[in-house]
C-alpha atoms as a PDB file:
ATOM      1  CA  UNK A   1      89.394  66.086  81.010  1.00  0.00           C
ATOM      2  CA  UNK A   2      88.051  62.913  82.601  1.00  0.00           C
ATOM      3  CA  UNK A   3      91.072  62.717  84.885  1.00  0.00           C
ATOM      4  CA  UNK A   4      90.505  66.306  86.014  1.00  0.00           C
ATOM      5  CA  UNK A   5      86.842  65.589  86.752  1.00  0.00           C
ATOM      6  CA  UNK A   6      87.805  62.475  88.697  1.00  0.00           C
ATOM      7  CA  UNK A   7      90.282  64.476  90.754  1.00  0.00           C
ATOM      8  CA  UNK A   8      87.687  67.167  91.481  1.00  0.00           C
ATOM      9  CA  UNK A   9      85.102  64.569  92.480  1.00  0.00           C
ATOM     10  CA  UNK A  10      87.590  62.785  94.721  1.00  0.00           C
ATOM     11  CA  UNK A  11      88.632  66.026  96.403  1.00  0.00           C
ATOM     12  CA  UNK A  12      85.003  67.012  96.961  1.00  0.00           C
ATOM     13  CA  UNK A  13      84.257  63.625  98.521  1.00  0.00           C
ATOM     14  CA  UNK A  14      87.275  63.912 100.816  1.00  0.00           C
ATOM     15  CA  UNK A  15      86.122  67.362 101.954  1.00  0.00           C
ATOM     16  CA  UNK A  16      82.634  66.123 102.765  1.00  0.00           C
ATOM     17  CA  UNK A  17      84.171  63.379 104.931  1.00  0.00           C
ATOM     18  CA  UNK A  18      86.369  65.877 106.809  1.00  0.00           C
ATOM     19  CA  UNK A  19      89.431  64.711 104.859  1.00  0.00           C
ATOM     20  CA  UNK A  20      91.957  66.325 102.573  1.00  0.00           C
ATOM     21  CA  UNK A  21      94.801  65.445 100.211  1.00  0.00           C
ATOM     22  CA  UNK A  22      98.080  66.978 101.320  1.00  0.00           C
ATOM     23  CA  UNK A  23     100.975  67.606  98.916  1.00  0.00           C
ATOM     24  CA  UNK A  24     104.106  67.081 100.978  1.00  0.00           C
ATOM     25  CA  UNK A  25     107.399  68.752 100.098  1.00  0.00           C
ATOM     26  CA  UNK A  26     110.754  69.851 101.476  1.00  0.00           C
ATOM     27  CA  UNK A  27     112.298  73.301 101.210  1.00  0.00           C
ATOM     28  CA  UNK A  28     115.894  72.155 101.722  1.00  0.00           C
ATOM     29  CA  UNK A  29     117.898  69.355 100.157  1.00  0.00           C
ATOM     30  CA  UNK A  30     119.002  66.494 102.430  1.00  0.00           C
ATOM     31  CA  UNK A  31     122.585  66.348 103.669  1.00  0.00           C
ATOM     32  CA  UNK A  32     124.474  63.258 104.853  1.00  0.00           C
ATOM     33  CA  UNK A  33     123.895  64.297 108.473  1.00  0.00           C
ATOM     34  CA  UNK A  34     120.652  66.231 108.078  1.00  0.00           C
ATOM     35  CA  UNK A  35     117.106  65.357 106.985  1.00  0.00           C
ATOM     36  CA  UNK A  36     115.168  68.592 106.308  1.00  0.00           C
ATOM     37  CA  UNK A  37     111.661  69.118 107.706  1.00  0.00           C
ATOM     38  CA  UNK A  38     108.585  68.234 105.663  1.00  0.00           C
ATOM     39  CA  UNK A  39     105.826  70.694 104.790  1.00  0.00           C
ATOM     40  CA  UNK A  40     102.351  70.262 103.405  1.00  0.00           C
ATOM     41  CA  UNK A  41      99.807  72.119 101.262  1.00  0.00           C
ATOM     42  CA  UNK A  42      96.238  71.241 100.356  1.00  0.00           C
ATOM     43  CA  UNK A  43      96.362  69.656  96.887  1.00  0.00           C
ATOM     44  CA  UNK A  44      93.244  71.612  95.958  1.00  0.00           C
ATOM     45  CA  UNK A  45      95.370  74.800  95.961  1.00  0.00           C
ATOM     46  CA  UNK A  46      98.032  73.306  93.682  1.00  0.00           C
ATOM     47  CA  UNK A  47      97.589  73.956  89.971  1.00  0.00           C
ATOM     48  CA  UNK A  48     100.761  72.277  88.698  1.00  0.00           C
ATOM     49  CA  UNK A  49     104.363  71.429  89.523  1.00  0.00           C
ATOM     50  CA  UNK A  50     107.249  72.693  87.363  1.00  0.00           C
ATOM     51  CA  UNK A  51     110.931  71.880  87.038  1.00  0.00           C
ATOM     52  CA  UNK A  52     112.716  75.017  88.168  1.00  0.00           C
ATOM     53  CA  UNK A  53     115.475  74.821  85.550  1.00  0.00           C
ATOM     54  CA  UNK A  54     112.928  74.920  82.728  1.00  0.00           C
ATOM     55  CA  UNK A  55     111.789  78.470  83.500  1.00  0.00           C
ATOM     56  CA  UNK A  56     113.866  81.618  83.332  1.00  0.00           C
ATOM     57  CA  UNK A  57     113.226  84.179  86.053  1.00  0.00           C
ATOM     58  CA  UNK A  58     112.531  87.667  84.722  1.00  0.00           C
ATOM     59  CA  UNK A  59     113.468  90.464  87.142  1.00  0.00           C
ATOM     60  CA  UNK A  60     110.781  92.674  88.666  1.00  0.00           C
ATOM     61  CA  UNK A  61     111.444  96.352  89.439  1.00  0.00           C
ATOM     62  CA  UNK A  62     111.182  97.413  93.093  1.00  0.00           C
ATOM     63  CA  UNK A  63     110.171  93.958  94.237  1.00  0.00           C
ATOM     64  CA  UNK A  64     110.498  92.463  97.708  1.00  0.00           C
ATOM     65  CA  UNK A  65     113.682  90.373  98.143  1.00  0.00           C
ATOM     66  CA  UNK A  66     111.472  87.365  98.876  1.00  0.00           C
ATOM     67  CA  UNK A  67     110.142  87.522  95.310  1.00  0.00           C
ATOM     68  CA  UNK A  68     112.715  86.152  92.856  1.00  0.00           C
ATOM     69  CA  UNK A  69     110.955  87.600  89.824  1.00  0.00           C
ATOM     70  CA  UNK A  70     108.423  86.423  87.256  1.00  0.00           C
ATOM     71  CA  UNK A  71     108.084  83.337  85.101  1.00  0.00           C
ATOM     72  CA  UNK A  72     105.954  83.019  81.976  1.00  0.00           C
ATOM     73  CA  UNK A  73     103.592  80.068  81.985  1.00  0.00           C
ATOM     74  CA  UNK A  74     101.565  79.720  78.787  1.00  0.00           C
ATOM     75  CA  UNK A  75     101.318  83.461  78.321  1.00  0.00           C
ATOM     76  CA  UNK A  76     100.633  84.256  81.991  1.00  0.00           C
ATOM     77  CA  UNK A  77     103.269  85.884  84.211  1.00  0.00           C
ATOM     78  CA  UNK A  78     103.519  84.585  87.767  1.00  0.00           C
ATOM     79  CA  UNK A  79     105.629  85.868  90.675  1.00  0.00           C
ATOM     80  CA  UNK A  80     107.948  83.246  92.132  1.00  0.00           C
ATOM     81  CA  UNK A  81     108.424  83.435  95.894  1.00  0.00           C
ATOM     82  CA  UNK A  82     111.720  82.267  97.341  1.00  0.00           C
ATOM     83  CA  UNK A  83     110.309  79.972 100.022  1.00  0.00           C
ATOM     84  CA  UNK A  84     113.758  78.951 101.342  1.00  0.00           C
ATOM     85  CA  UNK A  85     114.711  82.606 101.859  1.00  0.00           C
ATOM     86  CA  UNK A  86     111.440  83.324 103.709  1.00  0.00           C
ATOM     87  CA  UNK A  87     112.294  80.451 106.020  1.00  0.00           C
ATOM     88  CA  UNK A  88     115.928  81.647 106.419  1.00  0.00           C
ATOM     89  CA  UNK A  89     117.405  78.764 104.419  1.00  0.00           C
ATOM     90  CA  UNK A  90     120.002  79.160 101.686  1.00  0.00           C
ATOM     91  CA  UNK A  91     119.721  77.426  98.322  1.00  0.00           C
ATOM     92  CA  UNK A  92     122.810  77.222  96.114  1.00  0.00           C
ATOM     93  CA  UNK A  93     122.742  77.829  92.358  1.00  0.00           C
ATOM     94  CA  UNK A  94     123.205  74.102  91.815  1.00  0.00           C
ATOM     95  CA  UNK A  95     120.276  73.335  94.125  1.00  0.00           C
ATOM     96  CA  UNK A  96     118.110  75.858  92.288  1.00  0.00           C
ATOM     97  CA  UNK A  97     118.776  73.936  89.090  1.00  0.00           C
ATOM     98  CA  UNK A  98     117.323  70.842  90.749  1.00  0.00           C
ATOM     99  CA  UNK A  99     114.488  72.673  92.512  1.00  0.00           C
ATOM    100  CA  UNK A 100     110.740  72.560  91.917  1.00  0.00           C
ATOM    101  CA  UNK A 101     108.245  75.409  91.493  1.00  0.00           C
ATOM    102  CA  UNK A 102     104.763  74.725  92.847  1.00  0.00           C
ATOM    103  CA  UNK A 103     102.136  76.825  91.050  1.00  0.00           C
ATOM    104  CA  UNK A 104      99.380  77.516  93.565  1.00  0.00           C
ATOM    105  CA  UNK A 105      96.132  79.452  93.710  1.00  0.00           C
ATOM    106  CA  UNK A 106      95.325  81.524  96.779  1.00  0.00           C
ATOM    107  CA  UNK A 107      92.097  83.508  96.462  1.00  0.00           C
ATOM    108  CA  UNK A 108      92.598  83.685  92.691  1.00  0.00           C
ATOM    109  CA  UNK A 109      96.179  84.920  93.164  1.00  0.00           C
ATOM    110  CA  UNK A 110      98.421  82.558  91.184  1.00  0.00           C
ATOM    111  CA  UNK A 111     101.978  82.352  92.491  1.00  0.00           C
ATOM    112  CA  UNK A 112     105.009  80.104  92.217  1.00  0.00           C
ATOM    113  CA  UNK A 113     106.646  78.672  95.340  1.00  0.00           C
ATOM    114  CA  UNK A 114     110.196  77.387  95.012  1.00  0.00           C
ATOM    115  CA  UNK A 115     110.842  74.179  96.960  1.00  0.00           C
ATOM    116  CA  UNK A 116     113.532  71.516  96.796  1.00  0.00           C
ATOM    117  CA  UNK A 117     111.591  68.283  96.503  1.00  0.00           C
ATOM    118  CA  UNK A 118     108.068  66.857  96.285  1.00  0.00           C
ATOM    119  CA  UNK A 119     107.745  63.952  98.695  1.00  0.00           C
ATOM    120  CA  UNK A 120     104.273  62.877  97.532  1.00  0.00           C
ATOM    121  CA  UNK A 121     100.564  63.189  98.306  1.00  0.00           C
ATOM    122  CA  UNK A 122      98.872  61.751 101.394  1.00  0.00           C
ATOM    123  CA  UNK A 123      95.230  61.730 102.448  1.00  0.00           C
ATOM    124  CA  UNK A 124      94.547  63.051 105.941  1.00  0.00           C
ATOM    125  CA  UNK A 125      91.598  63.465 108.258  1.00  0.00           C
ATOM    126  CA  UNK A 126      91.254  67.025 109.509  1.00  0.00           C
ATOM    127  CA  UNK A 127      91.167  65.550 112.999  1.00  0.00           C
ATOM    128  CA  UNK A 128      94.803  64.509 112.316  1.00  0.00           C
ATOM    129  CA  UNK A 129      95.757  68.151 111.679  1.00  0.00           C
ATOM    130  CA  UNK A 130      96.822  69.830 114.913  1.00  0.00           C
ATOM    131  CA  UNK A 131      97.391  73.480 115.867  1.00  0.00           C
ATOM    132  CA  UNK A 132     100.977  74.720 115.785  1.00  0.00           C
ATOM    133  CA  UNK A 133     103.078  74.430 118.925  1.00  0.00           C
ATOM    134  CA  UNK A 134     106.690  74.703 119.996  1.00  0.00           C
ATOM    135  CA  UNK A 135     108.856  72.299 118.053  1.00  0.00           C
ATOM    136  CA  UNK A 136     112.271  70.914 118.863  1.00  0.00           C
ATOM    137  CA  UNK A 137     113.308  71.066 115.214  1.00  0.00           C
ATOM    138  CA  UNK A 138     114.767  73.632 112.836  1.00  0.00           C
ATOM    139  CA  UNK A 139     111.564  75.475 111.925  1.00  0.00           C
ATOM    140  CA  UNK A 140     110.184  78.935 112.643  1.00  0.00           C
ATOM    141  CA  UNK A 141     106.959  78.289 114.565  1.00  0.00           C
ATOM    142  CA  UNK A 142     105.688  81.773 113.650  1.00  0.00           C
ATOM    143  CA  UNK A 143     105.422  80.557 110.036  1.00  0.00           C
ATOM    144  CA  UNK A 144     103.498  77.405 110.954  1.00  0.00           C
ATOM    145  CA  UNK A 145      99.731  77.197 111.460  1.00  0.00           C
ATOM    146  CA  UNK A 146      99.258  73.447 111.843  1.00  0.00           C
ATOM    147  CA  UNK A 147     101.083  70.151 111.824  1.00  0.00           C
ATOM    148  CA  UNK A 148     100.434  66.483 111.152  1.00  0.00           C
ATOM    149  CA  UNK A 149     102.590  63.380 110.682  1.00  0.00           C
ATOM    150  CA  UNK A 150     103.761  61.524 107.614  1.00  0.00           C
ATOM    151  CA  UNK A 151     101.821  58.366 106.887  1.00  0.00           C
ATOM    152  CA  UNK A 152     102.778  55.428 109.138  1.00  0.00           C
ATOM    153  CA  UNK A 153     105.446  57.558 110.741  1.00  0.00           C
ATOM    154  CA  UNK A 154     106.206  59.831 113.679  1.00  0.00           C
ATOM    155  CA  UNK A 155     107.872  62.333 111.347  1.00  0.00           C
ATOM    156  CA  UNK A 156     106.327  65.786 111.639  1.00  0.00           C
ATOM    157  CA  UNK A 157     104.846  67.547 108.614  1.00  0.00           C
ATOM    158  CA  UNK A 158     104.264  71.288 109.006  1.00  0.00           C
ATOM    159  CA  UNK A 159     101.556  73.323 107.307  1.00  0.00           C
ATOM    160  CA  UNK A 160     102.721  76.835 106.515  1.00  0.00           C
ATOM    161  CA  UNK A 161     100.808  80.053 107.107  1.00  0.00           C
ATOM    162  CA  UNK A 162     100.584  80.945 103.413  1.00  0.00           C
ATOM    163  CA  UNK A 163      98.561  84.101 104.099  1.00  0.00           C
ATOM    164  CA  UNK A 164     101.413  85.339 106.290  1.00  0.00           C
ATOM    165  CA  UNK A 165     103.885  84.480 103.513  1.00  0.00           C
ATOM    166  CA  UNK A 166     101.914  86.448 100.919  1.00  0.00           C
ATOM    167  CA  UNK A 167     101.602  89.460 103.206  1.00  0.00           C
ATOM    168  CA  UNK A 168     105.352  89.492 103.930  1.00  0.00           C
ATOM    169  CA  UNK A 169     106.485  88.713 100.387  1.00  0.00           C
ATOM    170  CA  UNK A 170     104.105  91.140  98.696  1.00  0.00           C
ATOM    171  CA  UNK A 171     103.821  94.263 100.876  1.00  0.00           C
ATOM    172  CA  UNK A 172     101.596  95.994  98.320  1.00  0.00           C
ATOM    173  CA  UNK A 173      99.062  93.192  98.762  1.00  0.00           C
ATOM    174  CA  UNK A 174      99.319  93.515 102.537  1.00  0.00           C
ATOM    175  CA  UNK A 175      98.913  97.287 102.380  1.00  0.00           C
ATOM    176  CA  UNK A 176      95.853  96.905 100.186  1.00  0.00           C
ATOM    177  CA  UNK A 177      94.329  94.365 102.568  1.00  0.00           C
ATOM    178  CA  UNK A 178      94.855  96.249 105.818  1.00  0.00           C
ATOM    179  CA  UNK A 179      94.262  99.725 104.387  1.00  0.00           C
ATOM    180  CA  UNK A 180      90.901  98.505 103.077  1.00  0.00           C
ATOM    181  CA  UNK A 181      90.078  97.295 106.587  1.00  0.00           C
ATOM    182  CA  UNK A 182      91.128 100.615 108.139  1.00  0.00           C
ATOM    183  CA  UNK A 183      89.169 102.569 105.518  1.00  0.00           C
ATOM    184  CA  UNK A 184      85.915 100.904 106.584  1.00  0.00           C
ATOM    185  CA  UNK A 185      85.505 103.443 109.385  1.00  0.00           C
ATOM    186  CA  UNK A 186      85.207 106.310 106.908  1.00  0.00           C
ATOM    187  CA  UNK A 187      82.545 104.575 104.799  1.00  0.00           C
ATOM    188  CA  UNK A 188      78.852 105.312 105.085  1.00  0.00           C
ATOM    189  CA  UNK A 189      77.949 101.791 106.203  1.00  0.00           C
ATOM    190  CA  UNK A 190      75.162 101.538 108.740  1.00  0.00           C
ATOM    191  CA  UNK A 191      73.292  98.601 110.186  1.00  0.00           C
ATOM    192  CA  UNK A 192      70.131  98.172 112.185  1.00  0.00           C
ATOM    193  CA  UNK A 193      70.282  98.369 115.956  1.00  0.00           C
ATOM    194  CA  UNK A 194      69.593  94.628 116.023  1.00  0.00           C
ATOM    195  CA  UNK A 195      72.798  93.956 114.070  1.00  0.00           C
ATOM    196  CA  UNK A 196      74.856  96.094 116.419  1.00  0.00           C
ATOM    197  CA  UNK A 197      73.526  94.098 119.374  1.00  0.00           C
ATOM    198  CA  UNK A 198      74.258  90.702 117.848  1.00  0.00           C
ATOM    199  CA  UNK A 199      77.667  88.980 117.624  1.00  0.00           C
ATOM    200  CA  UNK A 200      79.476  87.605 114.581  1.00  0.00           C
ATOM    201  CA  UNK A 201      81.349  84.334 115.176  1.00  0.00           C
ATOM    202  CA  UNK A 202      84.277  83.345 112.978  1.00  0.00           C
ATOM    203  CA  UNK A 203      86.721  80.434 112.757  1.00  0.00           C
ATOM    204  CA  UNK A 204      90.122  81.071 111.156  1.00  0.00           C
ATOM    205  CA  UNK A 205      93.499  79.478 111.892  1.00  0.00           C
ATOM    206  CA  UNK A 206      95.724  82.109 110.249  1.00  0.00           C
ATOM    207  CA  UNK A 207      96.735  84.801 112.741  1.00  0.00           C
ATOM    208  CA  UNK A 208      97.167  87.301 109.912  1.00  0.00           C
ATOM    209  CA  UNK A 209      93.612  86.789 108.669  1.00  0.00           C
ATOM    210  CA  UNK A 210      92.269  86.774 112.229  1.00  0.00           C
ATOM    211  CA  UNK A 211      93.799  90.223 112.681  1.00  0.00           C
ATOM    212  CA  UNK A 212      92.340  91.430 109.390  1.00  0.00           C
ATOM    213  CA  UNK A 213      88.825  90.175 110.115  1.00  0.00           C
ATOM    214  CA  UNK A 214      88.899  91.651 113.601  1.00  0.00           C
ATOM    215  CA  UNK A 215      89.846  95.017 112.102  1.00  0.00           C
ATOM    216  CA  UNK A 216      86.966  94.911 109.624  1.00  0.00           C
ATOM    217  CA  UNK A 217      84.348  94.003 112.223  1.00  0.00           C
ATOM    218  CA  UNK A 218      85.703  96.536 114.713  1.00  0.00           C
ATOM    219  CA  UNK A 219      85.682  99.339 112.158  1.00  0.00           C
ATOM    220  CA  UNK A 220      82.075  98.444 111.317  1.00  0.00           C
ATOM    221  CA  UNK A 221      81.185  98.704 114.991  1.00  0.00           C
ATOM    222  CA  UNK A 222      80.028  95.080 115.097  1.00  0.00           C
ATOM    223  CA  UNK A 223      80.588  92.655 117.956  1.00  0.00           C
ATOM    224  CA  UNK A 224      82.588  89.550 117.106  1.00  0.00           C
ATOM    225  CA  UNK A 225      84.323  86.538 118.611  1.00  0.00           C
ATOM    226  CA  UNK A 226      87.012  84.518 116.832  1.00  0.00           C
ATOM    227  CA  UNK A 227      88.213  80.927 117.157  1.00  0.00           C
ATOM    228  CA  UNK A 228      91.372  79.153 115.975  1.00  0.00           C
ATOM    229  CA  UNK A 229      89.544  76.153 114.518  1.00  0.00           C
ATOM    230  CA  UNK A 230      86.122  74.752 113.741  1.00  0.00           C
ATOM    231  CA  UNK A 231      85.938  72.569 116.843  1.00  0.00           C
ATOM    232  CA  UNK A 232      86.389  75.538 119.188  1.00  0.00           C
ATOM    233  CA  UNK A 233      83.638  77.386 117.323  1.00  0.00           C
ATOM    234  CA  UNK A 234      81.239  74.423 117.486  1.00  0.00           C
ATOM    235  CA  UNK A 235      81.953  73.847 121.171  1.00  0.00           C
ATOM    236  CA  UNK A 236      81.227  77.502 121.922  1.00  0.00           C
ATOM    237  CA  UNK A 237      77.897  77.363 120.067  1.00  0.00           C
ATOM    238  CA  UNK A 238      76.964  74.131 121.853  1.00  0.00           C
ATOM    239  CA  UNK A 239      77.459  75.818 125.224  1.00  0.00           C
ATOM    240  CA  UNK A 240      75.229  78.796 124.407  1.00  0.00           C
ATOM    241  CA  UNK A 241      71.800  78.649 126.009  1.00  0.00           C
ATOM    242  CA  UNK A 242      70.321  80.989 123.397  1.00  0.00           C
ATOM    243  CA  UNK A 243      71.373  81.713 119.811  1.00  0.00           C
ATOM    244  CA  UNK A 244      69.354  84.881 119.315  1.00  0.00           C
ATOM    245  CA  UNK A 245      72.441  87.012 119.984  1.00  0.00           C
ATOM    246  CA  UNK A 246      74.431  85.398 117.130  1.00  0.00           C
ATOM    247  CA  UNK A 247      73.976  87.145 113.788  1.00  0.00           C
ATOM    248  CA  UNK A 248      76.070  84.876 111.524  1.00  0.00           C
ATOM    249  CA  UNK A 249      79.053  82.530 111.308  1.00  0.00           C
ATOM    250  CA  UNK A 250      82.134  83.077 109.130  1.00  0.00           C
ATOM    251  CA  UNK A 251      84.294  79.999 108.633  1.00  0.00           C
ATOM    252  CA  UNK A 252      87.485  79.142 106.806  1.00  0.00           C
ATOM    253  CA  UNK A 253      87.591  75.727 105.116  1.00  0.00           C
ATOM    254  CA  UNK A 254      91.130  74.614 105.987  1.00  0.00           C
ATOM    255  CA  UNK A 255      91.455  74.338 109.762  1.00  0.00           C
ATOM    256  CA  UNK A 256      92.872  71.812 112.227  1.00  0.00           C
ATOM    257  CA  UNK A 257      90.728  69.424 114.293  1.00  0.00           C
ATOM    258  CA  UNK A 258      87.468  70.342 112.507  1.00  0.00           C
ATOM    259  CA  UNK A 259      87.401  71.876 109.034  1.00  0.00           C
ATOM    260  CA  UNK A 260      84.907  74.377 107.650  1.00  0.00           C
ATOM    261  CA  UNK A 261      83.090  71.479 105.981  1.00  0.00           C
ATOM    262  CA  UNK A 262      82.527  69.955 109.418  1.00  0.00           C
ATOM    263  CA  UNK A 263      81.290  73.304 110.730  1.00  0.00           C
ATOM    264  CA  UNK A 264      78.724  73.526 107.917  1.00  0.00           C
ATOM    265  CA  UNK A 265      77.555  69.908 108.245  1.00  0.00           C
ATOM    266  CA  UNK A 266      77.283  70.082 112.031  1.00  0.00           C
ATOM    267  CA  UNK A 267      75.393  73.359 112.180  1.00  0.00           C
ATOM    268  CA  UNK A 268      73.000  72.453 109.366  1.00  0.00           C
ATOM    269  CA  UNK A 269      72.280  68.968 110.770  1.00  0.00           C
ATOM    270  CA  UNK A 270      71.136  70.346 114.135  1.00  0.00           C
ATOM    271  CA  UNK A 271      67.645  71.895 114.105  1.00  0.00           C
ATOM    272  CA  UNK A 272      68.772  74.274 116.840  1.00  0.00           C
ATOM    273  CA  UNK A 273      71.518  75.786 114.646  1.00  0.00           C
ATOM    274  CA  UNK A 274      70.319  75.034 111.127  1.00  0.00           C
ATOM    275  CA  UNK A 275      69.056  78.586 110.558  1.00  0.00           C
ATOM    276  CA  UNK A 276      72.334  80.277 111.487  1.00  0.00           C
ATOM    277  CA  UNK A 277      73.659  82.056 108.366  1.00  0.00           C
ATOM    278  CA  UNK A 278      77.047  80.599 107.355  1.00  0.00           C
ATOM    279  CA  UNK A 279      79.574  82.518 105.252  1.00  0.00           C
ATOM    280  CA  UNK A 280      82.561  80.564 103.947  1.00  0.00           C
ATOM    281  CA  UNK A 281      85.652  82.822 103.806  1.00  0.00           C
ATOM    282  CA  UNK A 282      88.452  80.915 102.104  1.00  0.00           C
ATOM    283  CA  UNK A 283      91.464  81.111  99.816  1.00  0.00           C
ATOM    284  CA  UNK A 284      90.211  77.943  98.062  1.00  0.00           C
ATOM    285  CA  UNK A 285      88.138  79.904  95.576  1.00  0.00           C
ATOM    286  CA  UNK A 286      87.503  77.462  92.742  1.00  0.00           C
ATOM    287  CA  UNK A 287      83.997  77.188  91.282  1.00  0.00           C
ATOM    288  CA  UNK A 288      83.882  73.584  92.445  1.00  0.00           C
ATOM    289  CA  UNK A 289      84.548  74.606  96.040  1.00  0.00           C
ATOM    290  CA  UNK A 290      81.809  77.214  95.814  1.00  0.00           C
ATOM    291  CA  UNK A 291      79.259  74.726  94.472  1.00  0.00           C
ATOM    292  CA  UNK A 292      80.279  72.146  97.048  1.00  0.00           C
ATOM    293  CA  UNK A 293      79.919  74.268 100.195  1.00  0.00           C
ATOM    294  CA  UNK A 294      76.738  75.964  98.991  1.00  0.00           C
ATOM    295  CA  UNK A 295      75.336  72.512  98.278  1.00  0.00           C
ATOM    296  CA  UNK A 296      76.216  71.485 101.829  1.00  0.00           C
ATOM    297  CA  UNK A 297      74.154  74.360 103.216  1.00  0.00           C
ATOM    298  CA  UNK A 298      76.452  77.371 103.477  1.00  0.00           C
ATOM    299  CA  UNK A 299      74.598  80.599 102.675  1.00  0.00           C
ATOM    300  CA  UNK A 300      77.462  82.557 101.080  1.00  0.00           C
ATOM    301  CA  UNK A 301      80.913  81.856  99.684  1.00  0.00           C
ATOM    302  CA  UNK A 302      83.574  84.582  99.388  1.00  0.00           C
ATOM    303  CA  UNK A 303      87.314  84.527  98.758  1.00  0.00           C
ATOM    304  CA  UNK A 304      89.988  85.896 101.054  1.00  0.00           C
ATOM    305  CA  UNK A 305      90.377  88.796 101.450  1.00  0.00           C
ATOM    306  CA  UNK A 306      87.896  91.286 100.025  1.00  0.00           C
ATOM    307  CA  UNK A 307      86.647  93.901 102.454  1.00  0.00           C
ATOM    308  CA  UNK A 308      83.906  95.199 100.165  1.00  0.00           C
ATOM    309  CA  UNK A 309      82.516  91.690  99.687  1.00  0.00           C
ATOM    310  CA  UNK A 310      82.591  91.019 103.423  1.00  0.00           C
ATOM    311  CA  UNK A 311      80.576  94.184 104.042  1.00  0.00           C
ATOM    312  CA  UNK A 312      78.207  93.391 101.187  1.00  0.00           C
ATOM    313  CA  UNK A 313      77.655  89.882 102.534  1.00  0.00           C
ATOM    314  CA  UNK A 314      76.965  91.126 106.068  1.00  0.00           C
ATOM    315  CA  UNK A 315      74.395  93.505 104.608  1.00  0.00           C
ATOM    316  CA  UNK A 316      72.797  90.642 102.670  1.00  0.00           C
ATOM    317  CA  UNK A 317      72.604  88.527 105.814  1.00  0.00           C
ATOM    318  CA  UNK A 318      71.015  91.428 107.659  1.00  0.00           C
ATOM    319  CA  UNK A 319      68.453  91.782 104.878  1.00  0.00           C
ATOM    320  CA  UNK A 320      67.733  88.054 104.787  1.00  0.00           C
ATOM    321  CA  UNK A 321      66.885  87.483 108.451  1.00  0.00           C
ATOM    322  CA  UNK A 322      63.335  86.824 107.293  1.00  0.00           C
ATOM    323  CA  UNK A 323      64.181  85.569 103.782  1.00  0.00           C
ATOM    324  CA  UNK A 324      66.935  82.874 103.440  1.00  0.00           C
ATOM    325  CA  UNK A 325      69.523  83.376 100.697  1.00  0.00           C
ATOM    326  CA  UNK A 326      72.085  81.034  99.182  1.00  0.00           C
ATOM    327  CA  UNK A 327      74.720  82.279  96.768  1.00  0.00           C
ATOM    328  CA  UNK A 328      78.339  82.732  95.871  1.00  0.00           C
ATOM    329  CA  UNK A 329      79.348  86.362  96.189  1.00  0.00           C
ATOM    330  CA  UNK A 330      81.641  87.993  93.677  1.00  0.00           C
END
């Protein structure tokens, strides 16, 4: 237990300093003439790492080909996503025997991700995480949201768009997400004229989630403006002469250049922006994360993606323009 608490405390301290711990892995096995690319995932999303050969895969009826099946982990059944297949790589039966399954938590959805090898864990500043670009290596840039470099090296390390992976591997999840956004229009949700005149700002690096959030706000009839990272959002706010037209700020936590933690700290430290309501919208939904960001000054904390909670939170912000509120929603 003490080790777990130490890890949580360390992770929280890293976040407050605009840093993160990145678990680095490979999806392919090295060949004599080929060194596979490296990929990274925030350690805070990783629950444990399993030897692939120790867990039998149980078939799932009518499942997406990207989902291998289910494994049982201490009485809980988890879907295992074939990460190599999603990335158009083949893994032989022998390689599967040597492979690793990363158990990860995304918005309280526990899944297994099959990879070939865990390289290690490195601490990074969010300023060292850069938006995806065009790469002269064997990767699909449409599956990449950010990149960094291995420690003391010029070797690229890519950060995958996990939300995009989940949507493509689990179509029922995707259908639920986007149908809930489309269904907003038919709901009896109404806001004050003041809310309709104001603009919601949001920072989110996943294109899939950007699309989803835009759909929700559009269906609600609310004005909005999105940004790919926290720095772009902060720069935009800095350039505004007046803030009266901004109703609230939604921010992800994991973003390149400036993380959601930096967004919260920066806005709350400036008297000009300290009263702007901040809603954290993240797949890092642990209780510790909630306590941490609320303690830093965020007004609300909600997990990706829950349309009803987004609407409920907007309504709470509208109702708290004259009475500040701080809470985790859900």
